């Protein structure tokens, strides 16, 4: 499988017609969630799961939920000085997995890009400055390479709490694009 681009992957929300029974990642817990719980949670408006397809093959999925993060868990440099509340509004990547047979062809990065697009859209309708994730320990460095920061909270044994100041990320990307256009 070649290195994929965003346009190679088709995304769709999970629905009752989707057969996800053959999905297998490297984490049984993530497989079980998709097969046993994702649709029920979505029906009950607890989470929303998106499926990622390449050439009609299910190569990954991610699940999003609303969240918040206590201000003290956010590094001082990421805090908004005018924010007077104890928590920042956030969207959490509750689950994200790629199929174990899909290899490392950028599928995780493409799913993260799709999440960014969703968060950008949602943030036009409701406050959402932060993206959070309680990463599996083996995936924490991947998230950190993508711009996530270790939250200033006591880590659990089974997860690593990370966040991204999405507002700052978007502002930096806008500046980068505007600078590139100026040089064009």
C-alpha atoms as a PDB file:
ATOM      1  CA  UNK A   1       0.000   0.000   0.000  1.00  0.00           C
ATOM      2  CA  UNK A   2       1.473   3.391  -0.947  1.00  0.00           C
ATOM      3  CA  UNK A   3       1.664   6.422   1.359  1.00  0.00           C
ATOM      4  CA  UNK A   4      -1.893   7.710   1.359  1.00  0.00           C
ATOM      5  CA  UNK A   5      -3.198  11.261   1.164  1.00  0.00           C
ATOM      6  CA  UNK A   6      -6.255  12.787   2.777  1.00  0.00           C
ATOM      7  CA  UNK A   7      -8.163  12.392  -0.488  1.00  0.00           C
ATOM      8  CA  UNK A   8      -7.501   8.636  -0.631  1.00  0.00           C
ATOM      9  CA  UNK A   9      -9.555   7.999   2.509  1.00  0.00           C
ATOM     10  CA  UNK A  10     -13.357   8.200   2.630  1.00  0.00           C
ATOM     11  CA  UNK A  11     -14.938   8.978   5.993  1.00  0.00           C
ATOM     12  CA  UNK A  12     -18.467   8.232   7.107  1.00  0.00           C
ATOM     13  CA  UNK A  13     -20.299   8.227  10.419  1.00  0.00           C
ATOM     14  CA  UNK A  14     -20.991   4.768  11.772  1.00  0.00           C
ATOM     15  CA  UNK A  15     -24.553   3.557  11.206  1.00  0.00           C
ATOM     16  CA  UNK A  16     -26.527   0.345  11.645  1.00  0.00           C
ATOM     17  CA  UNK A  17     -25.778  -0.826   8.093  1.00  0.00           C
ATOM     18  CA  UNK A  18     -22.012  -0.954   8.654  1.00  0.00           C
ATOM     19  CA  UNK A  19     -20.432  -4.357   9.213  1.00  0.00           C
ATOM     20  CA  UNK A  20     -17.461  -3.683  11.490  1.00  0.00           C
ATOM     21  CA  UNK A  21     -17.146  -7.258  12.800  1.00  0.00           C
ATOM     22  CA  UNK A  22     -13.966  -7.944  10.834  1.00  0.00           C
ATOM     23  CA  UNK A  23     -12.086  -4.887  12.142  1.00  0.00           C
ATOM     24  CA  UNK A  24      -8.924  -5.793  14.034  1.00  0.00           C
ATOM     25  CA  UNK A  25      -6.409  -3.282  15.329  1.00  0.00           C
ATOM     26  CA  UNK A  26      -3.482  -4.070  17.595  1.00  0.00           C
ATOM     27  CA  UNK A  27      -5.612  -3.368  20.702  1.00  0.00           C
ATOM     28  CA  UNK A  28      -8.469  -5.776  21.524  1.00  0.00           C
ATOM     29  CA  UNK A  29     -10.150  -3.105  23.684  1.00  0.00           C
ATOM     30  CA  UNK A  30     -10.427  -0.780  20.666  1.00  0.00           C
ATOM     31  CA  UNK A  31     -11.850  -3.595  18.516  1.00  0.00           C
ATOM     32  CA  UNK A  32     -14.392  -4.509  21.194  1.00  0.00           C
ATOM     33  CA  UNK A  33     -15.528  -0.905  21.514  1.00  0.00           C
ATOM     34  CA  UNK A  34     -16.137  -0.562  17.783  1.00  0.00           C
ATOM     35  CA  UNK A  35     -17.905  -3.909  17.446  1.00  0.00           C
ATOM     36  CA  UNK A  36     -19.898  -3.944  20.700  1.00  0.00           C
ATOM     37  CA  UNK A  37     -20.401  -0.367  21.978  1.00  0.00           C
ATOM     38  CA  UNK A  38     -19.848   2.325  19.354  1.00  0.00           C
ATOM     39  CA  UNK A  39     -23.239   2.191  17.651  1.00  0.00           C
ATOM     40  CA  UNK A  40     -25.190   2.049  20.925  1.00  0.00           C
ATOM     41  CA  UNK A  41     -23.197   5.007  22.294  1.00  0.00           C
ATOM     42  CA  UNK A  42     -23.859   6.932  19.111  1.00  0.00           C
ATOM     43  CA  UNK A  43     -27.586   6.129  19.194  1.00  0.00           C
ATOM     44  CA  UNK A  44     -27.676   7.448  22.764  1.00  0.00           C
ATOM     45  CA  UNK A  45     -25.724  10.587  21.762  1.00  0.00           C
ATOM     46  CA  UNK A  46     -22.795   9.718  24.017  1.00  0.00           C
ATOM     47  CA  UNK A  47     -20.191   9.664  21.256  1.00  0.00           C
ATOM     48  CA  UNK A  48     -19.863   9.755  17.479  1.00  0.00           C
ATOM     49  CA  UNK A  49     -17.729   7.271  15.576  1.00  0.00           C
ATOM     50  CA  UNK A  50     -16.364   7.856  12.090  1.00  0.00           C
ATOM     51  CA  UNK A  51     -15.154   5.034   9.871  1.00  0.00           C
ATOM     52  CA  UNK A  52     -12.193   5.454   7.514  1.00  0.00           C
ATOM     53  CA  UNK A  53     -12.224   3.525   4.223  1.00  0.00           C
ATOM     54  CA  UNK A  54      -9.552   3.044   1.591  1.00  0.00           C
ATOM     55  CA  UNK A  55     -10.779   1.324  -1.581  1.00  0.00           C
ATOM     56  CA  UNK A  56     -13.875   0.064   0.270  1.00  0.00           C
ATOM     57  CA  UNK A  57     -11.732  -1.505   3.009  1.00  0.00           C
ATOM     58  CA  UNK A  58     -12.257  -0.370   6.600  1.00  0.00           C
ATOM     59  CA  UNK A  59      -8.763   0.812   7.570  1.00  0.00           C
ATOM     60  CA  UNK A  60      -9.525   2.771  10.736  1.00  0.00           C
ATOM     61  CA  UNK A  61     -11.967   4.595  12.931  1.00  0.00           C
ATOM     62  CA  UNK A  62     -12.123   7.348  15.502  1.00  0.00           C
ATOM     63  CA  UNK A  63     -14.662   8.334  18.129  1.00  0.00           C
ATOM     64  CA  UNK A  64     -15.238  11.861  19.440  1.00  0.00           C
ATOM     65  CA  UNK A  65     -16.946  13.121  22.593  1.00  0.00           C
ATOM     66  CA  UNK A  66     -17.396  16.480  24.277  1.00  0.00           C
ATOM     67  CA  UNK A  67     -14.935  17.138  27.053  1.00  0.00           C
ATOM     68  CA  UNK A  68     -13.373  19.785  29.233  1.00  0.00           C
ATOM     69  CA  UNK A  69      -9.951  20.164  30.762  1.00  0.00           C
ATOM     70  CA  UNK A  70      -9.185  21.896  34.045  1.00  0.00           C
ATOM     71  CA  UNK A  71      -7.219  25.093  33.519  1.00  0.00           C
ATOM     72  CA  UNK A  72      -4.435  23.888  35.824  1.00  0.00           C
ATOM     73  CA  UNK A  73      -3.798  20.935  33.500  1.00  0.00           C
ATOM     74  CA  UNK A  74      -3.033  23.333  30.640  1.00  0.00           C
ATOM     75  CA  UNK A  75       0.456  24.777  30.559  1.00  0.00           C
ATOM     76  CA  UNK A  76       0.600  28.479  31.421  1.00  0.00           C
ATOM     77  CA  UNK A  77       1.762  29.350  27.893  1.00  0.00           C
ATOM     78  CA  UNK A  78      -1.369  27.734  26.427  1.00  0.00           C
ATOM     79  CA  UNK A  79      -3.862  29.448  28.722  1.00  0.00           C
ATOM     80  CA  UNK A  80      -6.065  32.291  27.564  1.00  0.00           C
ATOM     81  CA  UNK A  81      -5.403  35.188  29.965  1.00  0.00           C
ATOM     82  CA  UNK A  82      -8.967  36.513  29.733  1.00  0.00           C
ATOM     83  CA  UNK A  83     -10.555  33.112  30.506  1.00  0.00           C
ATOM     84  CA  UNK A  84     -11.956  33.249  34.041  1.00  0.00           C
ATOM     85  CA  UNK A  85     -13.407  29.766  34.320  1.00  0.00           C
ATOM     86  CA  UNK A  86     -11.932  26.653  35.930  1.00  0.00           C
ATOM     87  CA  UNK A  87     -12.174  24.527  32.773  1.00  0.00           C
ATOM     88  CA  UNK A  88     -11.637  24.940  29.049  1.00  0.00           C
ATOM     89  CA  UNK A  89     -14.150  23.484  26.580  1.00  0.00           C
ATOM     90  CA  UNK A  90     -12.697  20.607  24.582  1.00  0.00           C
ATOM     91  CA  UNK A  91     -13.371  17.749  22.225  1.00  0.00           C
ATOM     92  CA  UNK A  92     -11.843  14.415  23.183  1.00  0.00           C
ATOM     93  CA  UNK A  93     -10.526  11.800  20.827  1.00  0.00           C
ATOM     94  CA  UNK A  94     -12.102   8.978  22.811  1.00  0.00           C
ATOM     95  CA  UNK A  95     -10.897   6.192  20.519  1.00  0.00           C
ATOM     96  CA  UNK A  96      -8.729   6.000  17.419  1.00  0.00           C
ATOM     97  CA  UNK A  97      -7.382   2.885  15.743  1.00  0.00           C
ATOM     98  CA  UNK A  98      -6.192   1.675  12.385  1.00  0.00           C
ATOM     99  CA  UNK A  99      -6.617  -1.847  11.073  1.00  0.00           C
ATOM    100  CA  UNK A 100      -3.596  -3.976  11.937  1.00  0.00           C
ATOM    101  CA  UNK A 101      -3.219  -5.101   8.303  1.00  0.00           C
ATOM    102  CA  UNK A 102      -3.273  -1.572   6.880  1.00  0.00           C
ATOM    103  CA  UNK A 103       0.353  -0.876   7.763  1.00  0.00           C
ATOM    104  CA  UNK A 104       1.818   2.517   8.504  1.00  0.00           C
ATOM    105  CA  UNK A 105       0.788   4.473   5.436  1.00  0.00           C
ATOM    106  CA  UNK A 106      -0.284   7.704   7.109  1.00  0.00           C
ATOM    107  CA  UNK A 107      -3.779   6.532   8.032  1.00  0.00           C
ATOM    108  CA  UNK A 108      -3.498   7.790  11.629  1.00  0.00           C
ATOM    109  CA  UNK A 109      -2.296  11.185  10.435  1.00  0.00           C
ATOM    110  CA  UNK A 110      -5.114  11.377   7.907  1.00  0.00           C
ATOM    111  CA  UNK A 111      -7.683  10.516  10.594  1.00  0.00           C
ATOM    112  CA  UNK A 112      -6.177  13.218  12.832  1.00  0.00           C
ATOM    113  CA  UNK A 113      -6.476  15.716   9.988  1.00  0.00           C
ATOM    114  CA  UNK A 114     -10.154  14.757   9.617  1.00  0.00           C
ATOM    115  CA  UNK A 115     -10.606  15.322  13.372  1.00  0.00           C
ATOM    116  CA  UNK A 116      -9.026  18.782  12.997  1.00  0.00           C
ATOM    117  CA  UNK A 117     -11.498  19.613  10.217  1.00  0.00           C
ATOM    118  CA  UNK A 118     -14.426  18.464  12.374  1.00  0.00           C
ATOM    119  CA  UNK A 119     -13.198  20.474  15.388  1.00  0.00           C
ATOM    120  CA  UNK A 120     -12.679  23.542  13.212  1.00  0.00           C
ATOM    121  CA  UNK A 121     -16.261  23.214  11.968  1.00  0.00           C
ATOM    122  CA  UNK A 122     -17.719  22.588  15.449  1.00  0.00           C
ATOM    123  CA  UNK A 123     -15.807  25.540  16.892  1.00  0.00           C
ATOM    124  CA  UNK A 124     -17.801  27.836  14.620  1.00  0.00           C
ATOM    125  CA  UNK A 125     -20.931  26.916  16.591  1.00  0.00           C
ATOM    126  CA  UNK A 126     -19.698  26.317  20.141  1.00  0.00           C
ATOM    127  CA  UNK A 127     -16.584  26.998  22.162  1.00  0.00           C
ATOM    128  CA  UNK A 128     -13.842  24.458  21.626  1.00  0.00           C
ATOM    129  CA  UNK A 129     -10.265  25.553  22.185  1.00  0.00           C
ATOM    130  CA  UNK A 130      -8.662  22.277  23.240  1.00  0.00           C
ATOM    131  CA  UNK A 131      -8.457  18.752  21.812  1.00  0.00           C
ATOM    132  CA  UNK A 132      -7.824  16.093  24.456  1.00  0.00           C
ATOM    133  CA  UNK A 133      -6.846  12.454  24.288  1.00  0.00           C
ATOM    134  CA  UNK A 134      -6.101   9.836  26.912  1.00  0.00           C
ATOM    135  CA  UNK A 135      -3.540   8.029  24.817  1.00  0.00           C
ATOM    136  CA  UNK A 136      -2.438   4.451  25.124  1.00  0.00           C
ATOM    137  CA  UNK A 137       1.168   4.599  26.388  1.00  0.00           C
ATOM    138  CA  UNK A 138       2.470   3.160  23.114  1.00  0.00           C
ATOM    139  CA  UNK A 139       0.833   5.939  21.083  1.00  0.00           C
ATOM    140  CA  UNK A 140       1.755   8.924  23.281  1.00  0.00           C
ATOM    141  CA  UNK A 141       4.925   9.799  21.372  1.00  0.00           C
ATOM    142  CA  UNK A 142       3.009   9.725  18.085  1.00  0.00           C
ATOM    143  CA  UNK A 143       0.519  12.275  19.447  1.00  0.00           C
ATOM    144  CA  UNK A 144       3.348  14.411  20.841  1.00  0.00           C
ATOM    145  CA  UNK A 145       4.999  14.480  17.394  1.00  0.00           C
ATOM    146  CA  UNK A 146       1.674  15.740  16.049  1.00  0.00           C
ATOM    147  CA  UNK A 147       1.651  18.706  18.450  1.00  0.00           C
ATOM    148  CA  UNK A 148      -0.035  17.348  21.578  1.00  0.00           C
ATOM    149  CA  UNK A 149       1.318  18.268  25.014  1.00  0.00           C
ATOM    150  CA  UNK A 150       1.402  16.257  28.210  1.00  0.00           C
ATOM    151  CA  UNK A 151      -1.387  17.555  30.470  1.00  0.00           C
ATOM    152  CA  UNK A 152      -0.320  18.689  33.918  1.00  0.00           C
ATOM    153  CA  UNK A 153      -2.328  16.047  35.746  1.00  0.00           C
ATOM    154  CA  UNK A 154      -1.361  12.837  37.465  1.00  0.00           C
ATOM    155  CA  UNK A 155      -1.073  10.182  34.738  1.00  0.00           C
ATOM    156  CA  UNK A 156      -2.894   6.902  35.076  1.00  0.00           C
ATOM    157  CA  UNK A 157      -1.224   3.552  34.580  1.00  0.00           C
ATOM    158  CA  UNK A 158      -3.084   2.702  31.398  1.00  0.00           C
ATOM    159  CA  UNK A 159      -3.320   6.092  29.650  1.00  0.00           C
ATOM    160  CA  UNK A 160      -1.299   9.255  29.064  1.00  0.00           C
ATOM    161  CA  UNK A 161      -3.363  12.484  29.278  1.00  0.00           C
ATOM    162  CA  UNK A 162      -2.502  14.809  26.386  1.00  0.00           C
ATOM    163  CA  UNK A 163      -3.994  17.956  24.916  1.00  0.00           C
ATOM    164  CA  UNK A 164      -3.554  20.328  22.003  1.00  0.00           C
ATOM    165  CA  UNK A 165      -4.309  24.039  22.110  1.00  0.00           C
ATOM    166  CA  UNK A 166      -6.278  23.874  18.878  1.00  0.00           C
ATOM    167  CA  UNK A 167      -6.783  27.646  18.736  1.00  0.00           C
ATOM    168  CA  UNK A 168      -3.022  28.226  18.814  1.00  0.00           C
ATOM    169  CA  UNK A 169      -2.465  25.466  16.238  1.00  0.00           C
ATOM    170  CA  UNK A 170      -4.986  27.004  13.813  1.00  0.00           C
ATOM    171  CA  UNK A 171      -3.547  30.500  14.344  1.00  0.00           C
ATOM    172  CA  UNK A 172      -0.018  29.265  13.604  1.00  0.00           C
ATOM    173  CA  UNK A 173      -1.164  27.405  10.503  1.00  0.00           C
ATOM    174  CA  UNK A 174      -3.063  30.471   9.244  1.00  0.00           C
ATOM    175  CA  UNK A 175       0.070  32.569   9.722  1.00  0.00           C
ATOM    176  CA  UNK A 176       2.194  29.970   7.906  1.00  0.00           C
ATOM    177  CA  UNK A 177      -0.225  29.878   4.957  1.00  0.00           C
ATOM    178  CA  UNK A 178      -0.474  33.674   4.772  1.00  0.00           C
ATOM    179  CA  UNK A 179       3.328  33.940   4.810  1.00  0.00           C
ATOM    180  CA  UNK A 180       3.556  31.346   2.037  1.00  0.00           C
ATOM    181  CA  UNK A 181       0.948  33.197  -0.027  1.00  0.00           C
ATOM    182  CA  UNK A 182       2.837  36.452   0.435  1.00  0.00           C
ATOM    183  CA  UNK A 183       5.954  34.809  -0.999  1.00  0.00           C
ATOM    184  CA  UNK A 184       3.934  33.313  -3.871  1.00  0.00           C
END
